[in-house]
Amino acid sequence: MTRRQLWQRLVAHLDRSLMLGLGLLLITSLIVLYSADNASWDRPLRQLVNMTVALICMWLIANLPLHYLMRTAVPVYVLGMLLLVGVALFGEISHGARRWLNLGVANIQPSELMKIGVPLMMAWYFEKHEATLTLKNYFVAALLLLMPIALIARQPDLGTSILILASGFYVLFLAGLSWRVMGVLLAAAIASAPVLWSMLHEYQRHRIMMLFDPSQDALGNGYHTIQATIAVGSGGIFGKGYLNGTQTHLDFLPERTTDFIFAVFSEEFGLFGCVVMVGMYSFVIWRGFRITANASTYFTRLMAGSITLTFATYAFVNMGMVSGILPVVGVPLPLISYGGTSMLTLMLGFGMLMSIETHKKLVKT
């Protein structure tokens, strides 16, 4: 086998357009992290390791035939639920939240696994009942969605709960849930708002209130929002220049390598840079929708649509949070923020998208 043939075999199940968009975002991540970490190579190099591991896992999933993806649905979901129960019983408490489970060799955050496990399980369930879908099936799928959300919200982890709720809702929507039912659900959610408000933790209620007037607690719960909006606004049209962000390098901006890295980017590259970044995200999302539209089976269409829409929600929530139009919920900027677990989860999803695209001809024949 020649080198050319070997290379073609290695990349046979990688979607070139999707890889281009992902590559641009990953390169941007390393560039911004270097500045956010005060011109240190520490986090960029560790992020490079995270990217390498995530890309290898993405490649493995991309090469996995579609029927194997379906077979993993139930085991992944059941494993995720068991791990979430383990977190509730034996999880480690950090910063007032019980989200991590110590397995001896490593600490894991099972809620991240459910970002893939929940839509995978729901898509599998709908595939099994495609021919005879009734309201009962949607009710069962909703239970499959709400059980892990209840455990994750209890940790508490509002950001991850929102993302998993979104991923599951997209599966319900793509599976044909009627607008009338969605209207009833929306009305029920609005009616239950006072009850849901009382169930929130005190700090979560404060975060939501800070959305309307962060200055009422400028040195406390409103500090993150105020400093982030200052950074975003001070960037102007073309930004202050790479490595010249004052909010970043004078240590006014909190969590600047993770949740608020978009503020670092906005301050240094301005509105023009933000438009370019939104363009990169839009390209990846557009490619995801194309793959969804061309999916060959009911299962793959539900899965591809959910992965794409969840990725879009991920980016929107973080940018909205940093810009001050959404409450601070602890959602990192996808593929840009520092972190290994979220990077791995996202790349597993994109690996599934590539498998759906590159294996569809085999399914048709």
Protein backbone atom coordinates (compact mmCIF):
# COMPACT_ATOMS: atom_id res chain seq x y z
CA MET A 1 0.00 0.00 0.00
CA THR A 2 1.42 3.39 -1.01
CA ARG A 3 1.48 6.44 1.25
CA ARG A 4 -1.22 8.05 -0.85
CA GLN A 5 -3.51 5.03 -0.49
CA LEU A 6 -2.85 4.89 3.25
CA TRP A 7 -3.68 8.58 3.62
CA GLN A 8 -6.87 8.21 1.58
CA ARG A 9 -7.96 5.33 3.78
CA LEU A 10 -7.25 7.31 6.95
CA VAL A 11 -9.33 10.31 5.85
CA ALA A 12 -12.01 8.36 3.97
CA HIS A 13 -14.63 8.96 6.68
CA LEU A 14 -13.70 12.56 7.52
CA ASP A 15 -15.92 15.27 6.06
CA ARG A 16 -13.59 17.87 4.53
CA SER A 17 -15.90 20.85 4.90
CA LEU A 18 -16.65 20.04 8.53
CA MET A 19 -12.96 19.45 9.25
CA LEU A 20 -12.14 22.87 7.76
CA GLY A 21 -14.60 24.64 10.05
CA LEU A 22 -13.51 22.69 13.13
CA GLY A 23 -9.83 23.27 12.33
CA LEU A 24 -10.32 27.04 12.14
CA LEU A 25 -12.08 27.08 15.51
CA LEU A 26 -9.39 24.91 17.15
CA ILE A 27 -6.58 27.13 15.84
CA THR A 28 -8.48 30.18 17.12
CA SER A 29 -8.73 28.50 20.52
CA LEU A 30 -4.94 28.14 20.82
CA ILE A 31 -4.36 31.74 19.70
CA VAL A 32 -6.86 33.21 22.19
CA LEU A 33 -5.78 30.93 25.04
CA TYR A 34 -2.18 32.15 24.70
CA SER A 35 -3.35 35.71 25.30
CA ALA A 36 -5.94 34.79 27.95
CA ASP A 37 -3.23 32.93 29.90
CA ASN A 38 -1.01 36.07 29.95
CA ALA A 39 1.22 35.00 27.04
CA SER A 40 1.96 31.66 28.71
CA TRP A 41 2.24 28.37 26.82
CA ASP A 42 0.92 26.35 29.78
CA ARG A 43 -2.79 26.15 28.93
CA PRO A 44 -2.37 26.28 25.13
CA LEU A 45 -0.09 23.23 25.25
CA ARG A 46 -2.45 21.37 27.56
CA GLN A 47 -5.33 22.33 25.29
CA LEU A 48 -3.35 20.97 22.34
CA VAL A 49 -3.17 17.63 24.16
CA ASN A 50 -6.93 17.78 24.77
CA MET A 51 -7.49 18.50 21.08
CA THR A 52 -5.29 15.60 20.00
CA VAL A 53 -7.15 13.12 22.20
CA ALA A 54 -10.53 14.51 21.09
CA LEU A 55 -9.59 14.39 17.40
CA ILE A 56 -8.45 10.76 17.70
CA CYS A 57 -11.77 9.86 19.36
CA MET A 58 -13.64 11.78 16.64
CA TRP A 59 -11.79 9.81 13.96
CA LEU A 60 -12.65 6.51 15.65
CA ILE A 61 -16.35 7.41 15.84
CA ALA A 62 -16.34 8.69 12.25
CA ASN A 63 -15.12 5.26 11.12
CA LEU A 64 -17.82 3.47 13.09
CA PRO A 65 -20.68 2.17 10.85
CA LEU A 66 -24.14 3.52 11.59
CA HIS A 67 -25.57 0.28 12.97
CA TYR A 68 -22.82 0.29 15.62
CA LEU A 69 -23.81 3.83 16.60
CA MET A 70 -27.36 2.61 17.21
CA ARG A 71 -26.13 -0.32 19.28
CA THR A 72 -24.28 2.02 21.64
CA ALA A 73 -27.41 4.05 22.48
CA VAL A 74 -28.82 1.95 25.33
CA PRO A 75 -25.45 1.04 26.95
CA VAL A 76 -24.24 4.68 26.86
CA TYR A 77 -27.50 5.96 28.35
CA VAL A 78 -27.66 3.31 31.09
CA LEU A 79 -23.98 3.83 31.95
CA GLY A 80 -24.53 7.59 32.12
CA MET A 81 -27.52 7.19 34.44
CA LEU A 82 -25.59 4.84 36.74
CA LEU A 83 -22.71 7.30 36.89
CA LEU A 84 -25.09 10.18 37.67
CA VAL A 85 -26.58 8.15 40.52
CA GLY A 86 -23.01 7.47 41.65
CA VAL A 87 -22.32 11.21 41.65
CA ALA A 88 -25.44 11.83 43.75
CA LEU A 89 -24.34 9.21 46.28
CA PHE A 90 -20.55 9.37 46.27
CA GLY A 91 -19.56 12.39 44.17
CA GLU A 92 -16.89 14.86 45.24
CA ILE A 93 -18.06 18.32 46.34
CA SER A 94 -16.22 21.26 44.77
CA HIS A 95 -17.29 24.94 44.98
CA GLY A 96 -20.57 23.89 46.56
CA ALA A 97 -21.52 21.45 43.78
CA ARG A 98 -21.37 17.66 43.57
CA ARG A 99 -20.52 17.03 39.89
CA TRP A 100 -17.43 14.82 39.80
CA LEU A 101 -17.00 11.12 40.43
CA ASN A 102 -13.66 9.68 41.50
CA LEU A 103 -13.04 6.35 39.77
CA GLY A 104 -9.63 5.86 41.34
CA VAL A 105 -7.62 6.44 38.17
CA ALA A 106 -9.38 9.68 37.21
CA ASN A 107 -12.15 12.12 38.09
CA ILE A 108 -14.97 12.20 35.55
CA GLN A 109 -18.02 14.43 35.05
CA PRO A 110 -20.82 12.06 33.96
CA SER A 111 -23.15 14.91 32.98
CA GLU A 112 -20.91 15.59 29.97
CA LEU A 113 -21.48 12.02 28.74
CA MET A 114 -25.22 12.62 28.76
CA LYS A 115 -24.91 15.46 26.22
CA ILE A 116 -24.39 12.63 23.75
CA GLY A 117 -26.16 9.82 25.60
CA VAL A 118 -29.57 11.51 25.90
CA PRO A 119 -30.15 12.45 22.22
CA LEU A 120 -28.60 9.12 21.16
CA MET A 121 -31.05 7.18 23.33
CA MET A 122 -34.05 9.27 22.26
CA ALA A 123 -33.16 8.95 18.55
CA TRP A 124 -32.80 5.17 19.01
CA TYR A 125 -36.19 5.00 20.74
CA PHE A 126 -37.95 6.95 17.99
CA GLU A 127 -36.26 4.82 15.33
CA LYS A 128 -37.71 1.70 16.98
CA HIS A 129 -41.23 3.17 16.96
CA GLU A 130 -41.09 5.17 13.73
CA ALA A 131 -43.93 3.31 12.05
CA THR A 132 -46.41 3.68 14.94
CA LEU A 133 -45.57 6.94 16.68
CA THR A 134 -48.23 8.10 19.15
CA LEU A 135 -48.39 10.68 21.92
CA LYS A 136 -47.42 7.89 24.33
CA ASN A 137 -44.05 7.52 22.57
CA TYR A 138 -43.34 11.23 22.95
CA PHE A 139 -44.21 10.95 26.64
CA VAL A 140 -41.77 8.05 27.13
CA ALA A 141 -39.06 9.99 25.24
CA ALA A 142 -39.72 13.00 27.48
CA LEU A 143 -39.17 10.77 30.55
CA LEU A 144 -35.87 9.55 29.08
CA LEU A 145 -34.91 13.23 28.83
CA LEU A 146 -36.15 14.42 32.22
CA MET A 147 -34.60 11.67 34.37
CA PRO A 148 -30.95 12.65 33.77
CA ILE A 149 -31.85 16.36 33.84
CA ALA A 150 -33.32 15.94 37.34
CA LEU A 151 -30.10 14.32 38.57
CA ILE A 152 -27.89 16.96 36.92
CA ALA A 153 -29.97 19.89 38.17
CA ARG A 154 -29.68 18.45 41.68
CA GLN A 155 -25.84 18.64 41.59
CA PRO A 156 -26.51 21.64 40.87
CA ASP A 157 -25.42 22.30 37.26
CA LEU A 158 -27.85 24.65 35.54
CA GLY A 159 -25.74 25.18 32.40
CA THR A 160 -25.39 21.48 31.55
CA SER A 161 -29.05 20.89 32.40
CA ILE A 162 -30.08 23.55 29.88
CA LEU A 163 -27.87 22.09 27.14
CA ILE A 164 -29.14 18.53 27.66
CA LEU A 165 -32.74 19.79 27.81
CA ALA A 166 -32.12 21.58 24.50
CA SER A 167 -30.56 18.50 22.86
CA GLY A 168 -33.51 16.34 23.91
CA PHE A 169 -36.10 18.92 22.86
CA TYR A 170 -34.52 19.09 19.40
CA VAL A 171 -34.96 15.33 19.03
CA LEU A 172 -38.63 15.66 20.03
CA PHE A 173 -39.10 18.51 17.58
CA LEU A 174 -37.39 16.72 14.69
CA ALA A 175 -39.37 13.57 15.48
CA GLY A 176 -42.54 15.47 14.63
CA LEU A 177 -43.91 16.70 17.96
CA SER A 178 -46.90 18.84 16.99
CA TRP A 179 -46.91 22.61 17.44
CA ARG A 180 -50.09 22.29 19.50
CA VAL A 181 -48.37 20.05 22.04
CA MET A 182 -45.35 22.36 22.13
CA GLY A 183 -47.68 25.28 22.77
CA VAL A 184 -49.28 23.42 25.68
CA LEU A 185 -45.84 22.59 27.09
CA LEU A 186 -44.76 26.23 26.79
CA ALA A 187 -47.92 27.39 28.58
CA ALA A 188 -47.32 24.81 31.31
CA ALA A 189 -43.71 25.98 31.71
CA ILE A 190 -44.83 29.62 32.04
CA ALA A 191 -47.52 28.67 34.55
CA SER A 192 -45.03 26.68 36.63
CA ALA A 193 -42.42 29.47 36.60
CA PRO A 194 -43.07 30.47 40.26
CA VAL A 195 -42.58 26.85 41.37
CA LEU A 196 -39.42 26.46 39.28
CA TRP A 197 -38.12 29.76 40.69
CA SER A 198 -38.56 28.52 44.25
CA MET A 199 -36.62 25.34 43.38
CA LEU A 200 -33.57 27.27 42.20
CA HIS A 201 -30.61 27.71 44.52
CA GLU A 202 -30.09 31.19 45.95
CA TYR A 203 -27.01 31.86 43.81
CA GLN A 204 -28.91 30.80 40.68
CA ARG A 205 -31.70 33.28 41.43
CA HIS A 206 -29.10 35.98 41.98
CA ARG A 207 -27.50 35.24 38.61
CA ILE A 208 -30.82 35.66 36.85
CA MET A 209 -31.56 38.92 38.68
CA MET A 210 -28.12 40.24 37.78
CA LEU A 211 -29.17 40.03 34.14
CA PHE A 212 -31.51 42.98 34.66
CA ASP A 213 -29.24 45.11 36.85
CA PRO A 214 -25.74 43.74 37.56
CA SER A 215 -24.75 47.02 39.25
CA GLN A 216 -26.89 46.18 42.30
CA ASP A 217 -24.13 43.74 43.34
CA ALA A 218 -21.19 45.01 41.32
CA LEU A 219 -18.53 43.31 43.44
CA GLY A 220 -20.46 40.08 43.93
CA ASN A 221 -22.88 38.26 41.64
CA GLY A 222 -22.84 41.03 39.05
CA TYR A 223 -19.05 41.26 38.77
CA HIS A 224 -18.65 38.71 35.99
CA THR A 225 -21.31 40.32 33.81
CA ILE A 226 -20.01 43.86 34.32
CA GLN A 227 -16.38 43.05 33.56
CA ALA A 228 -17.29 40.92 30.53
CA THR A 229 -19.50 43.61 28.98
CA ILE A 230 -16.78 46.21 29.58
CA ALA A 231 -14.30 43.97 27.74
CA VAL A 232 -16.69 43.33 24.85
CA GLY A 233 -17.63 46.99 24.50
CA SER A 234 -14.10 48.36 24.81
CA GLY A 235 -12.95 46.32 21.82
CA GLY A 236 -14.74 48.69 19.45
CA ILE A 237 -14.77 47.90 15.74
CA PHE A 238 -11.31 46.40 15.27
CA GLY A 239 -10.22 45.68 18.86
CA LYS A 240 -7.25 46.75 20.94
CA GLY A 241 -4.91 44.32 19.23
CA TYR A 242 -3.61 40.86 20.05
CA LEU A 243 -2.16 40.61 23.59
CA ASN A 244 -3.27 44.21 24.30
CA GLY A 245 -6.56 43.59 26.11
CA THR A 246 -6.50 45.59 29.36
CA GLN A 247 -9.43 43.80 31.00
CA THR A 248 -7.62 40.53 30.39
CA HIS A 249 -4.03 41.38 31.22
CA LEU A 250 -4.83 43.58 34.23
CA ASP A 251 -6.79 40.65 35.72
CA PHE A 252 -10.20 42.33 35.79
CA LEU A 253 -11.83 39.60 33.70
CA PRO A 254 -12.71 36.42 35.66
CA GLU A 255 -12.66 32.88 34.20
CA ARG A 256 -10.99 34.30 31.09
CA THR A 257 -9.65 30.96 29.81
CA THR A 258 -12.96 29.13 30.17
CA ASP A 259 -16.46 30.62 30.37
CA PHE A 260 -15.48 34.20 29.50
CA ILE A 261 -12.90 33.62 26.78
CA PHE A 262 -15.24 35.27 24.25
CA ALA A 263 -14.75 38.53 26.16
CA VAL A 264 -10.97 38.19 25.70
CA PHE A 265 -11.44 37.65 21.96
CA SER A 266 -13.92 40.55 21.66
CA GLU A 267 -11.65 43.01 23.45
CA GLU A 268 -8.61 42.20 21.32
CA PHE A 269 -10.26 41.69 17.92
CA GLY A 270 -13.35 43.89 18.21
CA LEU A 271 -16.63 43.67 16.34
CA PHE A 272 -14.85 42.64 13.13
CA GLY A 273 -13.25 39.65 14.86
CA CYS A 274 -16.58 38.68 16.44
CA VAL A 275 -18.23 38.67 13.02
CA VAL A 276 -15.46 36.40 11.73
CA MET A 277 -15.89 34.05 14.70
CA VAL A 278 -19.67 33.93 14.24
CA GLY A 279 -18.97 33.17 10.58
CA MET A 280 -16.80 30.18 11.54
CA TYR A 281 -19.51 28.85 13.84
CA SER A 282 -22.14 29.44 11.16
CA PHE A 283 -20.10 27.48 8.63
CA VAL A 284 -19.90 24.46 10.96
CA ILE A 285 -23.63 24.72 11.74
CA TRP A 286 -24.48 25.05 8.02
CA ARG A 287 -22.48 21.92 7.25
CA GLY A 288 -24.24 20.10 10.09
CA PHE A 289 -27.63 21.03 8.63
CA ARG A 290 -26.54 19.79 5.19
CA ILE A 291 -25.57 16.45 6.71
CA THR A 292 -28.92 16.35 8.54
CA ALA A 293 -30.84 17.04 5.34
CA ASN A 294 -28.97 14.27 3.50
CA ALA A 295 -29.19 11.70 6.29
CA SER A 296 -30.33 8.31 5.03
CA THR A 297 -32.34 7.02 8.02
CA TYR A 298 -34.77 8.35 10.61
CA PHE A 299 -32.27 7.69 13.41
CA THR A 300 -29.39 9.51 11.70
CA ARG A 301 -31.59 12.48 10.79
CA LEU A 302 -32.70 12.92 14.41
CA MET A 303 -29.16 12.48 15.73
CA ALA A 304 -27.49 14.81 13.21
CA GLY A 305 -30.11 17.50 13.71
CA SER A 306 -29.84 17.35 17.49
CA ILE A 307 -26.01 17.51 17.45
CA THR A 308 -26.02 20.50 15.10
CA LEU A 309 -28.74 22.45 16.92
CA THR A 310 -27.18 21.74 20.33
CA PHE A 311 -23.81 23.02 19.09
CA ALA A 312 -25.54 26.20 17.89
CA THR A 313 -27.26 26.57 21.27
CA TYR A 314 -23.94 26.01 23.04
CA ALA A 315 -22.34 28.93 21.14
CA PHE A 316 -25.38 31.21 21.45
CA VAL A 317 -25.74 30.72 25.22
CA ASN A 318 -22.06 31.47 25.89
CA MET A 319 -21.94 34.55 23.66
CA GLY A 320 -25.22 35.78 25.11
CA MET A 321 -23.98 35.18 28.65
CA VAL A 322 -20.74 37.11 28.03
CA SER A 323 -22.57 39.92 26.20
CA GLY A 324 -25.02 40.41 29.08
CA ILE A 325 -28.21 39.34 27.28
CA LEU A 326 -28.44 35.98 29.09
CA PRO A 327 -27.78 34.99 32.73
CA VAL A 328 -24.39 33.55 33.69
CA VAL A 329 -24.92 29.77 33.64
CA GLY A 330 -21.38 28.42 33.35
CA VAL A 331 -21.41 27.29 29.70
CA PRO A 332 -18.00 27.39 27.94
CA LEU A 333 -17.56 28.61 24.36
CA PRO A 334 -17.54 25.39 22.28
CA LEU A 335 -14.13 24.38 20.88
CA ILE A 336 -12.59 27.66 22.07
CA SER A 337 -12.70 27.57 25.89
CA TYR A 338 -10.04 25.64 27.76
CA GLY A 339 -11.16 22.19 28.91
CA GLY A 340 -10.83 18.55 27.99
CA THR A 341 -14.20 17.02 28.88
CA SER A 342 -16.35 19.41 26.85
CA MET A 343 -13.87 19.22 23.94
CA LEU A 344 -14.11 15.42 23.92
CA THR A 345 -17.92 15.45 24.07
CA LEU A 346 -18.18 17.89 21.17
CA MET A 347 -15.73 15.94 19.02
CA LEU A 348 -17.61 12.70 19.67
CA GLY A 349 -20.70 14.45 18.34
CA PHE A 350 -18.88 15.66 15.23
CA GLY A 351 -17.48 12.17 14.74
CA MET A 352 -21.07 10.93 14.64
CA LEU A 353 -21.95 13.60 12.07
CA MET A 354 -19.07 12.45 9.87
CA SER A 355 -20.10 8.82 10.23
CA ILE A 356 -23.66 9.74 9.25
CA GLU A 357 -22.40 11.58 6.15
CA THR A 358 -19.76 9.15 4.93
CA HIS A 359 -21.64 5.91 5.62
CA LYS A 360 -24.99 6.95 4.13
CA LYS A 361 -24.20 5.46 0.70
CA LEU A 362 -23.57 2.10 2.30
CA VAL A 363 -26.92 2.31 4.06
CA LYS A 364 -28.78 3.18 0.81
CA THR A 365 -27.35 0.26 -1.09
